PDB file of all heavy atoms in Angstrom:
ATOM      1  N   LYS A   1     116.160 115.616 107.226  1.00  0.00           N
ATOM      2  CA  LYS A   1     115.675 115.224 108.555  1.00  0.00           C
ATOM      3  C   LYS A   1     114.428 114.345 108.441  1.00  0.00           C
ATOM      4  O   LYS A   1     114.315 113.315 109.108  1.00  0.00           O
ATOM      5  CB  LYS A   1     115.364 116.460 109.388  1.00  0.00           C
ATOM      6  CG  LYS A   1     114.895 116.142 110.770  1.00  0.00           C
ATOM      7  CD  LYS A   1     114.596 117.396 111.568  1.00  0.00           C
ATOM      8  CE  LYS A   1     114.129 117.000 112.954  1.00  0.00           C
ATOM      9  NZ  LYS A   1     113.169 117.890 113.515  1.00  0.00           N
ATOM     10  N   ALA A   2     113.501 114.734 107.576  1.00  0.00           N
ATOM     11  CA  ALA A   2     112.273 113.953 107.402  1.00  0.00           C
ATOM     12  C   ALA A   2     112.584 112.567 106.860  1.00  0.00           C
ATOM     13  O   ALA A   2     111.996 111.568 107.303  1.00  0.00           O
ATOM     14  CB  ALA A   2     111.314 114.694 106.475  1.00  0.00           C
ATOM     15  N   TRP A   3     113.527 112.477 105.911  1.00  0.00           N
ATOM     16  CA  TRP A   3     113.907 111.171 105.368  1.00  0.00           C
ATOM     17  C   TRP A   3     114.489 110.290 106.470  1.00  0.00           C
ATOM     18  O   TRP A   3     114.129 109.119 106.596  1.00  0.00           O
ATOM     19  CB  TRP A   3     114.909 111.325 104.221  1.00  0.00           C
ATOM     20  CG  TRP A   3     115.471 110.012 103.807  1.00  0.00           C
ATOM     21  CD1 TRP A   3     114.827 109.025 103.109  1.00  0.00           C
ATOM     22  CD2 TRP A   3     116.764 109.492 104.131  1.00  0.00           C
ATOM     23  NE1 TRP A   3     115.654 107.934 102.961  1.00  0.00           N
ATOM     24  CE2 TRP A   3     116.849 108.204 103.577  1.00  0.00           C
ATOM     25  CE3 TRP A   3     117.858 109.997 104.812  1.00  0.00           C
ATOM     26  CZ2 TRP A   3     117.980 107.418 103.698  1.00  0.00           C
ATOM     27  CZ3 TRP A   3     118.989 109.212 104.927  1.00  0.00           C
ATOM     28  CH2 TRP A   3     119.045 107.938 104.373  1.00  0.00           C
ATOM     29  N   LYS A   4     115.381 110.837 107.281  1.00  0.00           N
ATOM     30  CA  LYS A   4     115.994 110.057 108.364  1.00  0.00           C
ATOM     31  C   LYS A   4     114.937 109.585 109.361  1.00  0.00           C
ATOM     32  O   LYS A   4     115.002 108.455 109.855  1.00  0.00           O
ATOM     33  CB  LYS A   4     117.060 110.881 109.081  1.00  0.00           C
ATOM     34  CG  LYS A   4     118.286 111.137 108.229  1.00  0.00           C
ATOM     35  CD  LYS A   4     119.227 112.092 108.938  1.00  0.00           C
ATOM     36  CE  LYS A   4     120.247 112.664 108.004  1.00  0.00           C
ATOM     37  NZ  LYS A   4     121.089 113.688 108.653  1.00  0.00           N
ATOM     38  N   GLU A   5     113.972 110.432 109.638  1.00  0.00           N
ATOM     39  CA  GLU A   5     112.899 110.043 110.565  1.00  0.00           C
ATOM     40  C   GLU A   5     112.072 108.906 109.978  1.00  0.00           C
ATOM     41  O   GLU A   5     111.682 107.977 110.690  1.00  0.00           O
ATOM     42  CB  GLU A   5     112.026 111.241 110.887  1.00  0.00           C
ATOM     43  CG  GLU A   5     112.723 112.252 111.783  1.00  0.00           C
ATOM     44  CD  GLU A   5     111.969 113.557 111.948  1.00  0.00           C
ATOM     45  OE1 GLU A   5     110.899 113.746 111.309  1.00  0.00           O
ATOM     46  OE2 GLU A   5     112.462 114.410 112.709  1.00  0.00           O
ATOM     47  N   ARG A   6     111.791 108.954 108.683  1.00  0.00           N
ATOM     48  CA  ARG A   6     111.043 107.856 108.049  1.00  0.00           C
ATOM     49  C   ARG A   6     111.872 106.578 108.032  1.00  0.00           C
ATOM     50  O   ARG A   6     111.356 105.485 108.260  1.00  0.00           O
ATOM     51  CB  ARG A   6     110.622 108.244 106.629  1.00  0.00           C
ATOM     52  CG  ARG A   6     109.534 109.285 106.577  1.00  0.00           C
ATOM     53  CD  ARG A   6     109.002 109.482 105.170  1.00  0.00           C
ATOM     54  NE  ARG A   6     110.007 109.925 104.208  1.00  0.00           N
ATOM     55  CZ  ARG A   6     110.328 111.199 103.971  1.00  0.00           C
ATOM     56  NH1 ARG A   6     109.744 112.178 104.639  1.00  0.00           N
ATOM     57  NH2 ARG A   6     111.243 111.498 103.060  1.00  0.00           N
ATOM     58  N   LEU A   7     113.165 106.706 107.769  1.00  0.00           N
ATOM     59  CA  LEU A   7     114.051 105.547 107.694  1.00  0.00           C
ATOM     60  C   LEU A   7     114.204 104.852 109.042  1.00  0.00           C
ATOM     61  O   LEU A   7     114.420 103.642 109.107  1.00  0.00           O
ATOM     62  CB  LEU A   7     115.438 105.983 107.190  1.00  0.00           C
ATOM     63  CG  LEU A   7     116.480 104.886 107.046  1.00  0.00           C
ATOM     64  CD1 LEU A   7     116.079 103.921 105.938  1.00  0.00           C
ATOM     65  CD2 LEU A   7     117.847 105.482 106.775  1.00  0.00           C
ATOM     66  N   ALA A   8     114.078 105.572 110.107  1.00  0.00           N
ATOM     67  CA  ALA A   8     114.314 105.032 111.448  1.00  0.00           C
ATOM     68  C   ALA A   8     113.329 103.933 111.841  1.00  0.00           C
ATOM     69  O   ALA A   8     113.569 103.212 112.806  1.00  0.00           O
ATOM     70  CB  ALA A   8     114.281 106.155 112.479  1.00  0.00           C
ATOM     71  N   PHE A   9     112.231 103.802 111.087  1.00  0.00           N
ATOM     72  CA  PHE A   9     111.206 102.811 111.437  1.00  0.00           C
ATOM     73  C   PHE A   9     110.839 101.934 110.252  1.00  0.00           C
ATOM     74  O   PHE A   9     110.784 102.404 109.117  1.00  0.00           O
ATOM     75  CB  PHE A   9     109.934 103.507 111.936  1.00  0.00           C
ATOM     76  CG  PHE A   9     110.111 104.168 113.264  1.00  0.00           C
ATOM     77  CD1 PHE A   9     110.554 105.470 113.347  1.00  0.00           C
ATOM     78  CD2 PHE A   9     109.870 103.461 114.436  1.00  0.00           C
ATOM     79  CE1 PHE A   9     110.742 106.084 114.579  1.00  0.00           C
ATOM     80  CE2 PHE A   9     110.054 104.055 115.670  1.00  0.00           C
ATOM     81  CZ  PHE A   9     110.495 105.374 115.740  1.00  0.00           C
ATOM     82  N   ILE A  10     110.563 100.677 110.534  1.00  0.00           N
ATOM     83  CA  ILE A  10     109.936  99.784 109.568  1.00  0.00           C
ATOM     84  C   ILE A  10     108.473 100.212 109.541  1.00  0.00           C
ATOM     85  O   ILE A  10     107.866 100.438 110.587  1.00  0.00           O
ATOM     86  CB  ILE A  10     110.040  98.307 110.010  1.00  0.00           C
ATOM     87  CG1 ILE A  10     111.500  97.890 110.182  1.00  0.00           C
ATOM     88  CG2 ILE A  10     109.280  97.387 109.065  1.00  0.00           C
ATOM     89  CD1 ILE A  10     112.287  97.816 108.906  1.00  0.00           C
ATOM     90  N   ARG A  11     107.909 100.314 108.348  1.00  0.00           N
ATOM     91  CA  ARG A  11     106.536 100.809 108.224  1.00  0.00           C
ATOM     92  C   ARG A  11     105.643  99.778 107.538  1.00  0.00           C
ATOM     93  O   ARG A  11     106.112  98.963 106.752  1.00  0.00           O
ATOM     94  CB  ARG A  11     106.535 102.118 107.442  1.00  0.00           C
ATOM     95  CG  ARG A  11     107.321 103.173 108.197  1.00  0.00           C
ATOM     96  CD  ARG A  11     107.403 104.485 107.484  1.00  0.00           C
ATOM     97  NE  ARG A  11     108.195 105.411 108.268  1.00  0.00           N
ATOM     98  CZ  ARG A  11     107.722 106.190 109.235  1.00  0.00           C
ATOM     99  NH1 ARG A  11     106.447 106.178 109.521  1.00  0.00           N
ATOM    100  NH2 ARG A  11     108.526 106.990 109.912  1.00  0.00           N
ATOM    101  N   ASP A  12     104.353  99.854 107.833  1.00  0.00           N
ATOM    102  CA  ASP A  12     103.394  98.961 107.188  1.00  0.00           C
ATOM    103  C   ASP A  12     103.016  99.530 105.821  1.00  0.00           C
ATOM    104  O   ASP A  12     103.536 100.570 105.398  1.00  0.00           O
ATOM    105  CB  ASP A  12     102.166  98.721 108.075  1.00  0.00           C
ATOM    106  CG  ASP A  12     101.356  99.979 108.345  1.00  0.00           C
ATOM    107  OD1 ASP A  12     101.488 100.987 107.602  1.00  0.00           O
ATOM    108  OD2 ASP A  12     100.568  99.967 109.312  1.00  0.00           O
ATOM    109  N   ALA A  13     102.116  98.847 105.126  1.00  0.00           N
ATOM    110  CA  ALA A  13     101.730  99.253 103.774  1.00  0.00           C
ATOM    111  C   ALA A  13     101.116 100.648 103.725  1.00  0.00           C
ATOM    112  O   ALA A  13     101.157 101.318 102.692  1.00  0.00           O
ATOM    113  CB  ALA A  13     100.760  98.230 103.179  1.00  0.00           C
ATOM    114  N   GLN A  14     100.555 101.098 104.824  1.00  0.00           N
ATOM    115  CA  GLN A  14      99.949 102.427 104.883  1.00  0.00           C
ATOM    116  C   GLN A  14     100.952 103.494 105.319  1.00  0.00           C
ATOM    117  O   GLN A  14     100.605 104.667 105.447  1.00  0.00           O
ATOM    118  CB  GLN A  14      98.743 102.447 105.833  1.00  0.00           C
ATOM    119  CG  GLN A  14      97.540 101.668 105.327  1.00  0.00           C
ATOM    120  CD  GLN A  14      97.745 100.164 105.385  1.00  0.00           C
ATOM    121  OE1 GLN A  14      98.278  99.636 106.356  1.00  0.00           O
ATOM    122  NE2 GLN A  14      97.346  99.472 104.321  1.00  0.00           N
ATOM    123  N   GLY A  15     102.194 103.077 105.577  1.00  0.00           N
ATOM    124  CA  GLY A  15     103.222 104.022 105.967  1.00  0.00           C
ATOM    125  C   GLY A  15     103.310 104.303 107.457  1.00  0.00           C
ATOM    126  O   GLY A  15     104.062 105.173 107.884  1.00  0.00           O
ATOM    127  N   GLN A  16     102.571 103.547 108.244  1.00  0.00           N
ATOM    128  CA  GLN A  16     102.581 103.746 109.692  1.00  0.00           C
ATOM    129  C   GLN A  16     103.770 102.999 110.318  1.00  0.00           C
ATOM    130  O   GLN A  16     104.052 101.863 109.942  1.00  0.00           O
ATOM    131  CB  GLN A  16     101.274 103.248 110.308  1.00  0.00           C
ATOM    132  CG  GLN A  16     100.052 103.998 109.813  1.00  0.00           C
ATOM    133  CD  GLN A  16     100.174 105.494 110.052  1.00  0.00           C
ATOM    134  OE1 GLN A  16     100.477 105.932 111.153  1.00  0.00           O
ATOM    135  NE2 GLN A  16      99.946 106.275 109.007  1.00  0.00           N
ATOM    136  N   PRO A  17     104.456 103.613 111.266  1.00  0.00           N
ATOM    137  CA  PRO A  17     105.588 102.930 111.917  1.00  0.00           C
ATOM    138  C   PRO A  17     105.132 101.666 112.646  1.00  0.00           C
ATOM    139  O   PRO A  17     104.131 101.684 113.336  1.00  0.00           O
ATOM    140  CB  PRO A  17     106.105 103.954 112.919  1.00  0.00           C
ATOM    141  CG  PRO A  17     105.478 105.253 112.541  1.00  0.00           C
ATOM    142  CD  PRO A  17     104.234 104.945 111.791  1.00  0.00           C
ATOM    143  N   VAL A  18     105.878 100.591 112.433  1.00  0.00           N
ATOM    144  CA  VAL A  18     105.580  99.318 113.085  1.00  0.00           C
ATOM    145  C   VAL A  18     106.590  99.068 114.207  1.00  0.00           C
ATOM    146  O   VAL A  18     106.211  98.712 115.313  1.00  0.00           O
ATOM    147  CB  VAL A  18     105.623  98.159 112.068  1.00  0.00           C
ATOM    148  CG1 VAL A  18     105.445  96.819 112.751  1.00  0.00           C
ATOM    149  CG2 VAL A  18     104.595  98.374 110.981  1.00  0.00           C
ATOM    150  N   ARG A  19     107.872  99.269 113.887  1.00  0.00           N
ATOM    151  CA  ARG A  19     108.930  99.091 114.878  1.00  0.00           C
ATOM    152  C   ARG A  19     110.180  99.824 114.401  1.00  0.00           C
ATOM    153  O   ARG A  19     110.293 100.174 113.230  1.00  0.00           O
ATOM    154  CB  ARG A  19     109.240  97.616 115.105  1.00  0.00           C
ATOM    155  CG  ARG A  19     109.704  96.877 113.879  1.00  0.00           C
ATOM    156  CD  ARG A  19     109.915  95.386 114.161  1.00  0.00           C
ATOM    157  NE  ARG A  19     109.950  94.600 112.962  1.00  0.00           N
ATOM    158  CZ  ARG A  19     111.000  94.470 112.151  1.00  0.00           C
ATOM    159  NH1 ARG A  19     112.127  95.084 112.421  1.00  0.00           N
ATOM    160  NH2 ARG A  19     110.933  93.733 111.073  1.00  0.00           N
ATOM    161  N   GLU A  20     111.093 100.027 115.320  1.00  0.00           N
ATOM    162  CA  GLU A  20     112.341 100.697 114.955  1.00  0.00           C
ATOM    163  C   GLU A  20     113.157  99.807 114.032  1.00  0.00           C
ATOM    164  O   GLU A  20     113.156  98.592 114.165  1.00  0.00           O
ATOM    165  CB  GLU A  20     113.162 101.023 116.202  1.00  0.00           C
ATOM    166  CG  GLU A  20     112.594 102.176 117.001  1.00  0.00           C
ATOM    167  CD  GLU A  20     113.524 102.620 118.100  1.00  0.00           C
ATOM    168  OE1 GLU A  20     114.735 102.760 117.850  1.00  0.00           O
ATOM    169  OE2 GLU A  20     113.013 102.813 119.209  1.00  0.00           O
ATOM    170  N   ARG A  21     113.853 100.443 113.097  1.00  0.00           N
ATOM    171  CA  ARG A  21     114.721  99.719 112.169  1.00  0.00           C
ATOM    172  C   ARG A  21     116.035  99.412 112.889  1.00  0.00           C
ATOM    173  O   ARG A  21     116.720 100.309 113.360  1.00  0.00           O
ATOM    174  CB  ARG A  21     114.977 100.575 110.935  1.00  0.00           C
ATOM    175  CG  ARG A  21     115.791  99.897 109.863  1.00  0.00           C
ATOM    176  CD  ARG A  21     115.988 100.807 108.658  1.00  0.00           C
ATOM    177  NE  ARG A  21     114.734 101.233 108.083  1.00  0.00           N
ATOM    178  CZ  ARG A  21     114.010 100.531 107.218  1.00  0.00           C
ATOM    179  NH1 ARG A  21     114.423  99.347 106.828  1.00  0.00           N
ATOM    180  NH2 ARG A  21     112.869 101.012 106.743  1.00  0.00           N
ATOM    181  N   VAL A  22     116.387  98.147 112.968  1.00  0.00           N
ATOM    182  CA  VAL A  22     117.595  97.724 113.665  1.00  0.00           C
ATOM    183  C   VAL A  22     118.848  98.225 112.950  1.00  0.00           C
ATOM    184  O   VAL A  22     119.811  98.648 113.582  1.00  0.00           O
ATOM    185  CB  VAL A  22     117.642  96.182 113.798  1.00  0.00           C
ATOM    186  CG1 VAL A  22     118.946  95.716 114.407  1.00  0.00           C
ATOM    187  CG2 VAL A  22     116.459  95.693 114.606  1.00  0.00           C
ATOM    188  N   ASN A  23     118.856  98.188 111.625  1.00  0.00           N
ATOM    189  CA  ASN A  23     120.040  98.552 110.847  1.00  0.00           C
ATOM    190  C   ASN A  23     119.995 100.002 110.347  1.00  0.00           C
ATOM    191  O   ASN A  23     120.558 100.327 109.311  1.00  0.00           O
ATOM    192  CB  ASN A  23     120.217  97.595 109.678  1.00  0.00           C
ATOM    193  CG  ASN A  23     119.085  97.691 108.675  1.00  0.00           C
ATOM    194  OD1 ASN A  23     117.980  98.145 108.996  1.00  0.00           O
ATOM    195  ND2 ASN A  23     119.339  97.263 107.451  1.00  0.00           N
ATOM    196  N   PHE A  24     119.376 100.882 111.089  1.00  0.00           N
ATOM    197  CA  PHE A  24     119.228 102.282 110.693  1.00  0.00           C
ATOM    198  C   PHE A  24     120.569 102.914 110.333  1.00  0.00           C
ATOM    199  O   PHE A  24     120.718 103.527 109.281  1.00  0.00           O
ATOM    200  CB  PHE A  24     118.548 103.051 111.832  1.00  0.00           C
ATOM    201  CG  PHE A  24     118.498 104.533 111.633  1.00  0.00           C
ATOM    202  CD1 PHE A  24     117.679 105.083 110.666  1.00  0.00           C
ATOM    203  CD2 PHE A  24     119.265 105.387 112.412  1.00  0.00           C
ATOM    204  CE1 PHE A  24     117.610 106.451 110.471  1.00  0.00           C
ATOM    205  CE2 PHE A  24     119.207 106.754 112.234  1.00  0.00           C
ATOM    206  CZ  PHE A  24     118.377 107.289 111.258  1.00  0.00           C
ATOM    207  N   ARG A  25     121.559 102.779 111.179  1.00  0.00           N
ATOM    208  CA  ARG A  25     122.866 103.399 110.921  1.00  0.00           C
ATOM    209  C   ARG A  25     123.551 102.796 109.697  1.00  0.00           C
ATOM    210  O   ARG A  25     124.240 103.491 108.965  1.00  0.00           O
ATOM    211  CB  ARG A  25     123.753 103.309 112.146  1.00  0.00           C
ATOM    212  CG  ARG A  25     123.270 104.192 113.275  1.00  0.00           C
ATOM    213  CD  ARG A  25     124.266 104.239 114.414  1.00  0.00           C
ATOM    214  NE  ARG A  25     123.741 104.923 115.561  1.00  0.00           N
ATOM    215  CZ  ARG A  25     123.786 106.240 115.742  1.00  0.00           C
ATOM    216  NH1 ARG A  25     124.327 107.004 114.839  1.00  0.00           N
ATOM    217  NH2 ARG A  25     123.278 106.779 116.834  1.00  0.00           N
ATOM    218  N   SER A  26     123.342 101.518 109.448  1.00  0.00           N
ATOM    219  CA  SER A  26     123.922 100.894 108.252  1.00  0.00           C
ATOM    220  C   SER A  26     123.372 101.527 106.991  1.00  0.00           C
ATOM    221  O   SER A  26     124.103 101.742 106.022  1.00  0.00           O
ATOM    222  CB  SER A  26     123.630  99.396 108.234  1.00  0.00           C
ATOM    223  OG  SER A  26     124.216  98.765 109.330  1.00  0.00           O
ATOM    224  N   GLU A  27     122.087 101.812 106.979  1.00  0.00           N
ATOM    225  CA  GLU A  27     121.482 102.459 105.815  1.00  0.00           C
ATOM    226  C   GLU A  27     122.069 103.854 105.617  1.00  0.00           C
ATOM    227  O   GLU A  27     122.290 104.288 104.484  1.00  0.00           O
ATOM    228  CB  GLU A  27     119.964 102.524 105.964  1.00  0.00           C
ATOM    229  CG  GLU A  27     119.287 101.173 106.009  1.00  0.00           C
ATOM    230  CD  GLU A  27     119.546 100.329 104.775  1.00  0.00           C
ATOM    231  OE1 GLU A  27     119.658 100.892 103.666  1.00  0.00           O
ATOM    232  OE2 GLU A  27     119.647  99.104 104.922  1.00  0.00           O
ATOM    233  N   LEU A  28     122.335 104.561 106.700  1.00  0.00           N
ATOM    234  CA  LEU A  28     122.955 105.885 106.589  1.00  0.00           C
ATOM    235  C   LEU A  28     124.352 105.780 105.983  1.00  0.00           C
ATOM    236  O   LEU A  28     124.753 106.628 105.172  1.00  0.00           O
ATOM    237  CB  LEU A  28     123.027 106.561 107.964  1.00  0.00           C
ATOM    238  CG  LEU A  28     121.702 106.923 108.628  1.00  0.00           C
ATOM    239  CD1 LEU A  28     121.963 107.538 109.997  1.00  0.00           C
ATOM    240  CD2 LEU A  28     120.871 107.851 107.766  1.00  0.00           C
ATOM    241  N   VAL A  29     125.089 104.735 106.358  1.00  0.00           N
ATOM    242  CA  VAL A  29     126.431 104.520 105.812  1.00  0.00           C
ATOM    243  C   VAL A  29     126.366 104.354 104.300  1.00  0.00           C
ATOM    244  O   VAL A  29     127.183 104.922 103.565  1.00  0.00           O
ATOM    245  CB  VAL A  29     127.108 103.296 106.469  1.00  0.00           C
ATOM    246  CG1 VAL A  29     128.390 102.916 105.743  1.00  0.00           C
ATOM    247  CG2 VAL A  29     127.390 103.569 107.930  1.00  0.00           C
ATOM    248  N   PHE A  30     125.386 103.599 103.808  1.00  0.00           N
ATOM    249  CA  PHE A  30     125.260 103.378 102.365  1.00  0.00           C
ATOM    250  C   PHE A  30     125.029 104.695 101.620  1.00  0.00           C
ATOM    251  O   PHE A  30     125.627 104.944 100.576  1.00  0.00           O
ATOM    252  CB  PHE A  30     124.119 102.410 102.046  1.00  0.00           C
ATOM    253  CG  PHE A  30     124.336 101.013 102.557  1.00  0.00           C
ATOM    254  CD1 PHE A  30     123.282 100.312 103.108  1.00  0.00           C
ATOM    255  CD2 PHE A  30     125.571 100.398 102.494  1.00  0.00           C
ATOM    256  CE1 PHE A  30     123.458  99.012 103.583  1.00  0.00           C
ATOM    257  CE2 PHE A  30     125.768  99.109 102.965  1.00  0.00           C
ATOM    258  CZ  PHE A  30     124.695  98.418 103.511  1.00  0.00           C
ATOM    259  N   VAL A  31     124.160 105.511 102.150  1.00  0.00           N
ATOM    260  CA  VAL A  31     123.850 106.782 101.482  1.00  0.00           C
ATOM    261  C   VAL A  31     125.049 107.722 101.553  1.00  0.00           C
ATOM    262  O   VAL A  31     125.388 108.383 100.576  1.00  0.00           O
ATOM    263  CB  VAL A  31     122.579 107.426 102.074  1.00  0.00           C
ATOM    264  CG1 VAL A  31     122.348 108.804 101.495  1.00  0.00           C
ATOM    265  CG2 VAL A  31     121.383 106.522 101.823  1.00  0.00           C
ATOM    266  N   ARG A  32     125.713 107.755 102.687  1.00  0.00           N
ATOM    267  CA  ARG A  32     126.909 108.594 102.810  1.00  0.00           C
ATOM    268  C   ARG A  32     127.969 108.149 101.799  1.00  0.00           C
ATOM    269  O   ARG A  32     128.603 108.976 101.140  1.00  0.00           O
ATOM    270  CB  ARG A  32     127.446 108.520 104.240  1.00  0.00           C
ATOM    271  CG  ARG A  32     128.613 109.435 104.498  1.00  0.00           C
ATOM    272  CD  ARG A  32     128.953 109.480 105.983  1.00  0.00           C
ATOM    273  NE  ARG A  32     130.235 110.066 106.233  1.00  0.00           N
ATOM    274  CZ  ARG A  32     130.480 111.368 106.280  1.00  0.00           C
ATOM    275  NH1 ARG A  32     129.499 112.229 106.093  1.00  0.00           N
ATOM    276  NH2 ARG A  32     131.695 111.820 106.507  1.00  0.00           N
ATOM    277  N   ALA A  33     128.158 106.850 101.659  1.00  0.00           N
ATOM    278  CA  ALA A  33     129.129 106.329 100.692  1.00  0.00           C
ATOM    279  C   ALA A  33     128.733 106.698  99.265  1.00  0.00           C
ATOM    280  O   ALA A  33     129.598 107.011  98.434  1.00  0.00           O
ATOM    281  CB  ALA A  33     129.252 104.814 100.837  1.00  0.00           C
ATOM    282  N   PHE A  34     127.460 106.679  98.977  1.00  0.00           N
ATOM    283  CA  PHE A  34     126.955 107.062  97.655  1.00  0.00           C
ATOM    284  C   PHE A  34     127.354 108.502  97.324  1.00  0.00           C
ATOM    285  O   PHE A  34     127.877 108.785  96.247  1.00  0.00           O
ATOM    286  CB  PHE A  34     125.434 106.888  97.638  1.00  0.00           C
ATOM    287  CG  PHE A  34     124.759 107.394  96.405  1.00  0.00           C
ATOM    288  CD1 PHE A  34     125.031 106.849  95.167  1.00  0.00           C
ATOM    289  CD2 PHE A  34     123.820 108.408  96.488  1.00  0.00           C
ATOM    290  CE1 PHE A  34     124.389 107.317  94.024  1.00  0.00           C
ATOM    291  CE2 PHE A  34     123.172 108.882  95.361  1.00  0.00           C
ATOM    292  CZ  PHE A  34     123.457 108.327  94.123  1.00  0.00           C
ATOM    293  N   TYR A  35     127.145 109.414  98.261  1.00  0.00           N
ATOM    294  CA  TYR A  35     127.528 110.812  98.055  1.00  0.00           C
ATOM    295  C   TYR A  35     129.045 110.943  97.862  1.00  0.00           C
ATOM    296  O   TYR A  35     129.512 111.701  97.015  1.00  0.00           O
ATOM    297  CB  TYR A  35     127.071 111.677  99.233  1.00  0.00           C
ATOM    298  CG  TYR A  35     125.665 112.191  99.103  1.00  0.00           C
ATOM    299  CD1 TYR A  35     124.570 111.383  99.389  1.00  0.00           C
ATOM    300  CD2 TYR A  35     125.411 113.497  98.695  1.00  0.00           C
ATOM    301  CE1 TYR A  35     123.274 111.855  99.281  1.00  0.00           C
ATOM    302  CE2 TYR A  35     124.119 113.981  98.592  1.00  0.00           C
ATOM    303  CZ  TYR A  35     123.057 113.154  98.879  1.00  0.00           C
ATOM    304  OH  TYR A  35     121.775 113.633  98.758  1.00  0.00           O
ATOM    305  N   GLN A  36     129.809 110.198  98.637  1.00  0.00           N
ATOM    306  CA  GLN A  36     131.265 110.250  98.503  1.00  0.00           C
ATOM    307  C   GLN A  36     131.723 109.671  97.173  1.00  0.00           C
ATOM    308  O   GLN A  36     132.651 110.202  96.546  1.00  0.00           O
ATOM    309  CB  GLN A  36     131.919 109.511  99.673  1.00  0.00           C
ATOM    310  CG  GLN A  36     131.725 110.229 100.990  1.00  0.00           C
ATOM    311  CD  GLN A  36     132.188 109.413 102.180  1.00  0.00           C
ATOM    312  OE1 GLN A  36     132.337 108.183 102.108  1.00  0.00           O
ATOM    313  NE2 GLN A  36     132.416 110.087 103.294  1.00  0.00           N
ATOM    314  N   ASP A  37     131.075 108.607  96.720  1.00  0.00           N
ATOM    315  CA  ASP A  37     131.405 108.028  95.417  1.00  0.00           C
ATOM    316  C   ASP A  37     131.193 109.040  94.299  1.00  0.00           C
ATOM    317  O   ASP A  37     132.040 109.188  93.415  1.00  0.00           O
ATOM    318  CB  ASP A  37     130.555 106.785  95.136  1.00  0.00           C
ATOM    319  CG  ASP A  37     130.991 105.568  95.921  1.00  0.00           C
ATOM    320  OD1 ASP A  37     132.108 105.572  96.483  1.00  0.00           O
ATOM    321  OD2 ASP A  37     130.195 104.601  95.969  1.00  0.00           O
ATOM    322  N   ILE A  38     130.075 109.720  94.328  1.00  0.00           N
ATOM    323  CA  ILE A  38     129.786 110.700  93.281  1.00  0.00           C
ATOM    324  C   ILE A  38     130.853 111.789  93.260  1.00  0.00           C
ATOM    325  O   ILE A  38     131.317 112.205  92.187  1.00  0.00           O
ATOM    326  CB  ILE A  38     128.378 111.294  93.449  1.00  0.00           C
ATOM    327  CG1 ILE A  38     127.329 110.222  93.148  1.00  0.00           C
ATOM    328  CG2 ILE A  38     128.182 112.501  92.524  1.00  0.00           C
ATOM    329  CD1 ILE A  38     125.917 110.633  93.459  1.00  0.00           C
TER     330      ILE A  38
END
């Protein structure tokens, strides 16, 4: 849950949220595919 919350936003160098990540769901697809590949 914490990872998904961090992924949902583009962050600055200090880790502060700058804006929502437009391709958030695409990144989730990549990780899901990785688990399925393994």
